[in-house]
Amino acid sequence: MRTNLKVVDNSGAKRVMCIQALKGRKGARLGDTIIASVKEAQPKGKVKKGEVVYGVVVRAAMQRGRCDGSEIKFDDNAVVLVNKQGEPIGTRVFGPVPHELRKKKHVKILTLAEHIA
């Protein structure tokens, strides 16, 4: 909670702050859905500053183990904004996105991503 995250889609938001991690866990990990408040936004975007939005964590600085024994870790914390049904608001996703999102049923985000890590 209260973590500033980078928005990596073209929904209009640049930076959001996590209000709550859904699923009742202490924190959000890769593929988890969060509720966030928009802190910085572009002037003619789909979302405005101060809006409360849903987002899916696509990059996390915290290490996460994979099934094959390797670990994945990113340089920043990033989200893709989604609506209540889990569909992305933007039409493009920038930067690498982990393939673990497929297990979490976020296949639509993977199809929009330009690079899958």
N, C-alpha and C. Protein backbone atom coordinates (compact mmCIF):
# COMPACT_ATOMS: atom_id res chain seq x y z
N MET A 1 0.83 -1.19 0.00
CA MET A 1 0.00 0.00 0.00
C MET A 1 0.87 1.25 0.00
N ARG A 2 0.36 2.32 -0.59
CA ARG A 2 1.02 3.63 -0.70
C ARG A 2 2.29 3.58 -1.55
N THR A 3 2.43 2.56 -2.38
CA THR A 3 3.56 2.45 -3.29
C THR A 3 3.24 3.19 -4.57
N ASN A 4 4.19 3.99 -5.07
CA ASN A 4 4.03 4.66 -6.35
C ASN A 4 4.45 3.70 -7.45
N LEU A 5 3.59 3.52 -8.44
CA LEU A 5 3.86 2.60 -9.54
C LEU A 5 3.78 3.33 -10.86
N LYS A 6 4.61 2.88 -11.78
CA LYS A 6 4.62 3.44 -13.14
C LYS A 6 3.51 2.77 -13.96
N VAL A 7 2.82 3.53 -14.80
CA VAL A 7 1.79 2.97 -15.67
C VAL A 7 2.41 2.74 -17.04
N VAL A 8 2.33 1.50 -17.55
CA VAL A 8 3.02 1.15 -18.79
C VAL A 8 2.05 0.87 -19.93
N ASP A 9 0.92 1.59 -19.96
CA ASP A 9 0.03 1.49 -21.11
C ASP A 9 -0.34 2.90 -21.57
N ASN A 10 -1.14 3.00 -22.63
CA ASN A 10 -1.47 4.32 -23.18
C ASN A 10 -2.87 4.78 -22.74
N SER A 11 -3.22 4.51 -21.48
CA SER A 11 -4.52 4.92 -20.94
C SER A 11 -4.55 6.40 -20.58
N GLY A 12 -3.39 7.03 -20.47
CA GLY A 12 -3.33 8.45 -20.13
C GLY A 12 -2.69 8.71 -18.78
N ALA A 13 -2.68 7.72 -17.89
CA ALA A 13 -2.04 7.89 -16.58
C ALA A 13 -0.55 7.64 -16.71
N LYS A 14 0.25 8.37 -15.92
CA LYS A 14 1.70 8.16 -15.91
C LYS A 14 2.15 7.48 -14.63
N ARG A 15 1.52 7.86 -13.50
CA ARG A 15 1.92 7.33 -12.20
C ARG A 15 0.68 7.15 -11.34
N VAL A 16 0.62 6.01 -10.62
CA VAL A 16 -0.48 5.75 -9.71
C VAL A 16 0.08 5.36 -8.34
N MET A 17 -0.76 5.51 -7.31
CA MET A 17 -0.39 5.09 -5.97
C MET A 17 -1.34 3.98 -5.53
N CYS A 18 -0.79 2.88 -5.06
CA CYS A 18 -1.59 1.74 -4.64
C CYS A 18 -2.38 2.10 -3.38
N ILE A 19 -3.70 1.87 -3.43
CA ILE A 19 -4.54 2.08 -2.26
C ILE A 19 -4.72 0.76 -1.53
N GLN A 20 -4.99 -0.30 -2.29
CA GLN A 20 -5.24 -1.60 -1.66
C GLN A 20 -4.92 -2.72 -2.64
N ALA A 21 -4.30 -3.78 -2.12
CA ALA A 21 -4.08 -4.98 -2.91
C ALA A 21 -5.27 -5.91 -2.70
N LEU A 22 -5.91 -6.33 -3.80
CA LEU A 22 -7.03 -7.25 -3.67
C LEU A 22 -6.51 -8.65 -3.33
N LYS A 23 -7.39 -9.55 -3.01
CA LYS A 23 -7.09 -10.92 -2.58
C LYS A 23 -6.64 -10.98 -1.12
N GLY A 24 -6.71 -9.87 -0.38
CA GLY A 24 -6.45 -9.86 1.06
C GLY A 24 -5.06 -10.25 1.49
N ARG A 25 -4.08 -10.06 0.63
CA ARG A 25 -2.71 -10.37 0.98
C ARG A 25 -2.01 -9.13 1.53
N LYS A 26 -0.87 -9.32 2.15
CA LYS A 26 -0.14 -8.18 2.73
C LYS A 26 0.32 -7.21 1.65
N GLY A 27 0.73 -7.74 0.52
CA GLY A 27 1.18 -6.90 -0.59
C GLY A 27 0.81 -7.55 -1.91
N ALA A 28 1.01 -6.82 -2.99
CA ALA A 28 0.68 -7.34 -4.32
C ALA A 28 1.94 -7.86 -5.00
N ARG A 29 1.81 -8.97 -5.70
CA ARG A 29 2.93 -9.52 -6.45
C ARG A 29 2.58 -9.51 -7.94
N LEU A 30 3.43 -10.12 -8.77
CA LEU A 30 3.20 -10.16 -10.21
C LEU A 30 1.85 -10.78 -10.53
N GLY A 31 1.07 -10.09 -11.35
CA GLY A 31 -0.22 -10.60 -11.77
C GLY A 31 -1.38 -10.29 -10.85
N ASP A 32 -1.11 -9.68 -9.69
CA ASP A 32 -2.18 -9.36 -8.75
C ASP A 32 -2.90 -8.09 -9.17
N THR A 33 -4.18 -8.01 -8.82
CA THR A 33 -4.98 -6.82 -9.11
C THR A 33 -4.95 -5.91 -7.89
N ILE A 34 -4.80 -4.61 -8.15
CA ILE A 34 -4.77 -3.62 -7.07
C ILE A 34 -5.79 -2.52 -7.36
N ILE A 35 -6.13 -1.76 -6.32
CA ILE A 35 -6.91 -0.54 -6.48
C ILE A 35 -5.93 0.60 -6.28
N ALA A 36 -5.94 1.57 -7.20
CA ALA A 36 -4.95 2.65 -7.16
C ALA A 36 -5.60 3.99 -7.46
N SER A 37 -4.90 5.04 -7.05
CA SER A 37 -5.33 6.41 -7.32
C SER A 37 -4.36 7.03 -8.31
N VAL A 38 -4.87 7.71 -9.33
CA VAL A 38 -4.02 8.32 -10.36
C VAL A 38 -3.38 9.58 -9.78
N LYS A 39 -2.05 9.65 -9.80
CA LYS A 39 -1.32 10.79 -9.26
C LYS A 39 -0.83 11.74 -10.36
N GLU A 40 -0.45 11.18 -11.51
CA GLU A 40 -0.02 11.99 -12.66
C GLU A 40 -0.73 11.45 -13.89
N ALA A 41 -1.22 12.36 -14.73
CA ALA A 41 -1.91 11.92 -15.95
C ALA A 41 -1.63 12.89 -17.09
N GLN A 42 -1.74 12.38 -18.31
CA GLN A 42 -1.58 13.22 -19.50
C GLN A 42 -2.87 14.02 -19.70
N PRO A 43 -2.76 15.20 -20.31
CA PRO A 43 -3.94 16.07 -20.44
C PRO A 43 -5.13 15.46 -21.18
N LYS A 44 -4.90 14.73 -22.27
CA LYS A 44 -6.02 14.21 -23.07
C LYS A 44 -6.10 12.70 -23.01
N GLY A 45 -5.92 12.15 -21.81
CA GLY A 45 -5.97 10.70 -21.65
C GLY A 45 -7.36 10.20 -21.29
N LYS A 46 -7.50 8.88 -21.21
CA LYS A 46 -8.78 8.27 -20.87
C LYS A 46 -9.07 8.38 -19.37
N VAL A 47 -8.02 8.47 -18.54
CA VAL A 47 -8.21 8.62 -17.10
C VAL A 47 -7.66 9.97 -16.65
N LYS A 48 -8.24 10.49 -15.59
CA LYS A 48 -7.85 11.82 -15.09
C LYS A 48 -7.16 11.68 -13.73
N LYS A 49 -6.44 12.72 -13.34
CA LYS A 49 -5.78 12.75 -12.04
C LYS A 49 -6.83 12.70 -10.93
N GLY A 50 -6.57 11.88 -9.91
CA GLY A 50 -7.50 11.76 -8.79
C GLY A 50 -8.49 10.62 -8.92
N GLU A 51 -8.59 10.03 -10.11
CA GLU A 51 -9.51 8.90 -10.31
C GLU A 51 -9.02 7.66 -9.56
N VAL A 52 -9.96 6.85 -9.09
CA VAL A 52 -9.62 5.57 -8.48
C VAL A 52 -9.83 4.50 -9.54
N VAL A 53 -8.77 3.73 -9.81
CA VAL A 53 -8.79 2.76 -10.91
C VAL A 53 -8.30 1.40 -10.41
N TYR A 54 -8.56 0.37 -11.21
CA TYR A 54 -8.02 -0.96 -10.97
C TYR A 54 -6.77 -1.13 -11.84
N GLY A 55 -5.81 -1.93 -11.38
CA GLY A 55 -4.61 -2.19 -12.15
C GLY A 55 -4.07 -3.58 -11.89
N VAL A 56 -3.33 -4.10 -12.86
CA VAL A 56 -2.68 -5.41 -12.72
C VAL A 56 -1.17 -5.17 -12.68
N VAL A 57 -0.51 -5.71 -11.66
CA VAL A 57 0.94 -5.54 -11.51
C VAL A 57 1.62 -6.40 -12.58
N VAL A 58 2.38 -5.74 -13.49
CA VAL A 58 3.07 -6.48 -14.55
C VAL A 58 4.58 -6.52 -14.34
N ARG A 59 5.12 -5.62 -13.52
CA ARG A 59 6.55 -5.65 -13.19
C ARG A 59 6.71 -5.33 -11.71
N ALA A 60 7.54 -6.10 -11.02
CA ALA A 60 7.78 -5.86 -9.60
C ALA A 60 9.27 -5.98 -9.31
N ALA A 61 9.77 -5.10 -8.47
CA ALA A 61 11.20 -5.11 -8.13
C ALA A 61 11.53 -6.28 -7.21
N MET A 62 10.52 -6.84 -6.54
CA MET A 62 10.74 -7.98 -5.65
C MET A 62 10.93 -9.25 -6.47
N GLN A 63 11.89 -10.09 -6.04
CA GLN A 63 12.18 -11.32 -6.78
C GLN A 63 11.01 -12.30 -6.67
N ARG A 64 10.82 -13.06 -7.75
CA ARG A 64 9.79 -14.10 -7.75
C ARG A 64 10.38 -15.34 -8.39
N GLY A 65 10.26 -16.48 -7.73
CA GLY A 65 10.79 -17.73 -8.24
C GLY A 65 9.90 -18.31 -9.33
N ARG A 66 10.52 -18.92 -10.32
CA ARG A 66 9.77 -19.58 -11.39
C ARG A 66 9.81 -21.09 -11.18
N CYS A 67 8.98 -21.79 -11.94
CA CYS A 67 8.87 -23.25 -11.80
C CYS A 67 10.19 -23.96 -12.11
N ASP A 68 10.96 -23.42 -13.06
CA ASP A 68 12.21 -24.09 -13.46
C ASP A 68 13.38 -23.77 -12.53
N GLY A 69 13.13 -23.02 -11.44
CA GLY A 69 14.20 -22.72 -10.48
C GLY A 69 14.83 -21.36 -10.67
N SER A 70 14.61 -20.71 -11.81
CA SER A 70 15.17 -19.37 -12.03
C SER A 70 14.32 -18.33 -11.30
N GLU A 71 14.87 -17.14 -11.15
CA GLU A 71 14.14 -16.06 -10.49
C GLU A 71 14.02 -14.88 -11.42
N ILE A 72 12.89 -14.18 -11.34
CA ILE A 72 12.67 -13.01 -12.19
C ILE A 72 12.53 -11.78 -11.30
N LYS A 73 13.16 -10.68 -11.74
CA LYS A 73 13.15 -9.44 -10.97
C LYS A 73 13.29 -8.29 -11.95
N PHE A 74 12.50 -7.23 -11.77
CA PHE A 74 12.53 -6.08 -12.67
C PHE A 74 13.12 -4.87 -11.95
N ASP A 75 13.47 -3.85 -12.72
CA ASP A 75 14.06 -2.64 -12.14
C ASP A 75 13.02 -1.74 -11.49
N ASP A 76 11.77 -1.81 -11.93
CA ASP A 76 10.75 -0.90 -11.42
C ASP A 76 9.47 -1.66 -11.10
N ASN A 77 8.55 -0.96 -10.46
CA ASN A 77 7.21 -1.50 -10.20
C ASN A 77 6.27 -0.86 -11.21
N ALA A 78 5.54 -1.67 -11.96
CA ALA A 78 4.69 -1.13 -13.02
C ALA A 78 3.34 -1.85 -13.07
N VAL A 79 2.31 -1.09 -13.52
CA VAL A 79 0.96 -1.65 -13.64
C VAL A 79 0.37 -1.34 -15.00
N VAL A 80 -0.64 -2.13 -15.37
CA VAL A 80 -1.48 -1.86 -16.53
C VAL A 80 -2.88 -1.63 -15.97
N LEU A 81 -3.50 -0.51 -16.35
CA LEU A 81 -4.83 -0.18 -15.83
C LEU A 81 -5.89 -1.03 -16.52
N VAL A 82 -6.82 -1.56 -15.71
CA VAL A 82 -7.90 -2.40 -16.23
C VAL A 82 -9.23 -1.91 -15.65
N ASN A 83 -10.34 -2.34 -16.27
CA ASN A 83 -11.65 -2.02 -15.71
C ASN A 83 -12.05 -3.12 -14.72
N LYS A 84 -13.28 -3.06 -14.22
CA LYS A 84 -13.71 -4.03 -13.20
C LYS A 84 -13.78 -5.45 -13.74
N GLN A 85 -13.99 -5.59 -15.06
CA GLN A 85 -14.04 -6.92 -15.66
C GLN A 85 -12.65 -7.47 -15.95
N GLY A 86 -11.60 -6.68 -15.77
CA GLY A 86 -10.24 -7.14 -16.00
C GLY A 86 -9.72 -6.89 -17.40
N GLU A 87 -10.45 -6.11 -18.20
CA GLU A 87 -10.00 -5.80 -19.56
C GLU A 87 -9.17 -4.53 -19.53
N PRO A 88 -8.07 -4.48 -20.27
CA PRO A 88 -7.20 -3.28 -20.25
C PRO A 88 -7.91 -2.04 -20.78
N ILE A 89 -7.62 -0.89 -20.16
CA ILE A 89 -8.19 0.39 -20.61
C ILE A 89 -7.43 0.88 -21.84
N GLY A 90 -6.10 0.75 -21.82
CA GLY A 90 -5.28 1.18 -22.96
C GLY A 90 -5.26 0.14 -24.06
N THR A 91 -4.65 0.52 -25.19
CA THR A 91 -4.58 -0.39 -26.34
C THR A 91 -3.16 -0.87 -26.61
N ARG A 92 -2.18 -0.38 -25.84
CA ARG A 92 -0.79 -0.82 -25.99
C ARG A 92 -0.17 -1.00 -24.62
N VAL A 93 0.79 -1.93 -24.53
CA VAL A 93 1.53 -2.15 -23.28
C VAL A 93 3.01 -2.04 -23.62
N PHE A 94 3.72 -1.17 -22.90
CA PHE A 94 5.13 -0.91 -23.18
C PHE A 94 6.03 -1.70 -22.25
N GLY A 95 7.20 -2.10 -22.77
CA GLY A 95 8.20 -2.78 -21.96
C GLY A 95 7.91 -4.26 -21.77
N PRO A 96 8.82 -4.96 -21.08
CA PRO A 96 8.66 -6.41 -20.88
C PRO A 96 7.53 -6.73 -19.91
N VAL A 97 6.85 -7.87 -20.17
CA VAL A 97 5.77 -8.36 -19.34
C VAL A 97 6.04 -9.85 -19.08
N PRO A 98 5.98 -10.33 -17.84
CA PRO A 98 6.29 -11.74 -17.57
C PRO A 98 5.18 -12.68 -18.04
N HIS A 99 5.56 -13.88 -18.43
CA HIS A 99 4.57 -14.83 -18.93
C HIS A 99 3.74 -15.45 -17.81
N GLU A 100 4.06 -15.14 -16.53
CA GLU A 100 3.27 -15.63 -15.40
C GLU A 100 1.84 -15.09 -15.42
N LEU A 101 1.60 -14.00 -16.17
CA LEU A 101 0.26 -13.43 -16.26
C LEU A 101 -0.73 -14.39 -16.91
N ARG A 102 -0.22 -15.34 -17.70
CA ARG A 102 -1.09 -16.31 -18.36
C ARG A 102 -1.79 -17.19 -17.31
N LYS A 103 -1.07 -17.55 -16.26
CA LYS A 103 -1.66 -18.37 -15.19
C LYS A 103 -2.72 -17.58 -14.42
N LYS A 104 -2.54 -16.27 -14.33
CA LYS A 104 -3.48 -15.42 -13.58
C LYS A 104 -4.65 -14.94 -14.44
N LYS A 105 -4.80 -15.50 -15.64
CA LYS A 105 -5.92 -15.20 -16.55
C LYS A 105 -5.90 -13.76 -17.09
N HIS A 106 -4.71 -13.23 -17.33
CA HIS A 106 -4.58 -11.91 -17.94
C HIS A 106 -3.99 -12.04 -19.34
N VAL A 107 -4.59 -12.90 -20.16
CA VAL A 107 -4.08 -13.19 -21.50
C VAL A 107 -4.19 -11.96 -22.40
N LYS A 108 -5.22 -11.14 -22.19
CA LYS A 108 -5.43 -9.95 -23.02
C LYS A 108 -4.25 -8.98 -22.89
N ILE A 109 -3.68 -8.86 -21.68
CA ILE A 109 -2.51 -8.00 -21.47
C ILE A 109 -1.31 -8.57 -22.22
N LEU A 110 -1.16 -9.89 -22.21
CA LEU A 110 -0.04 -10.52 -22.92
C LEU A 110 -0.14 -10.30 -24.43
N THR A 111 -1.35 -10.29 -24.98
CA THR A 111 -1.48 -10.09 -26.41
C THR A 111 -1.14 -8.65 -26.81
N LEU A 112 -1.36 -7.68 -25.90
CA LEU A 112 -1.03 -6.29 -26.19
C LEU A 112 0.45 -5.98 -25.95
N ALA A 113 1.15 -6.82 -25.19
CA ALA A 113 2.54 -6.53 -24.82
C ALA A 113 3.46 -6.64 -26.02
N GLU A 114 4.48 -5.77 -26.02
CA GLU A 114 5.45 -5.82 -27.12
C GLU A 114 6.58 -6.81 -26.85
N HIS A 115 6.85 -7.13 -25.56
CA HIS A 115 7.92 -8.07 -25.23
C HIS A 115 7.50 -8.89 -24.02
N ILE A 116 7.55 -10.24 -24.15
CA ILE A 116 7.20 -11.13 -23.04
C ILE A 116 8.47 -11.73 -22.47
N ALA A 117 8.67 -11.50 -21.16
CA ALA A 117 9.90 -11.99 -20.49
C ALA A 117 9.65 -13.33 -19.82
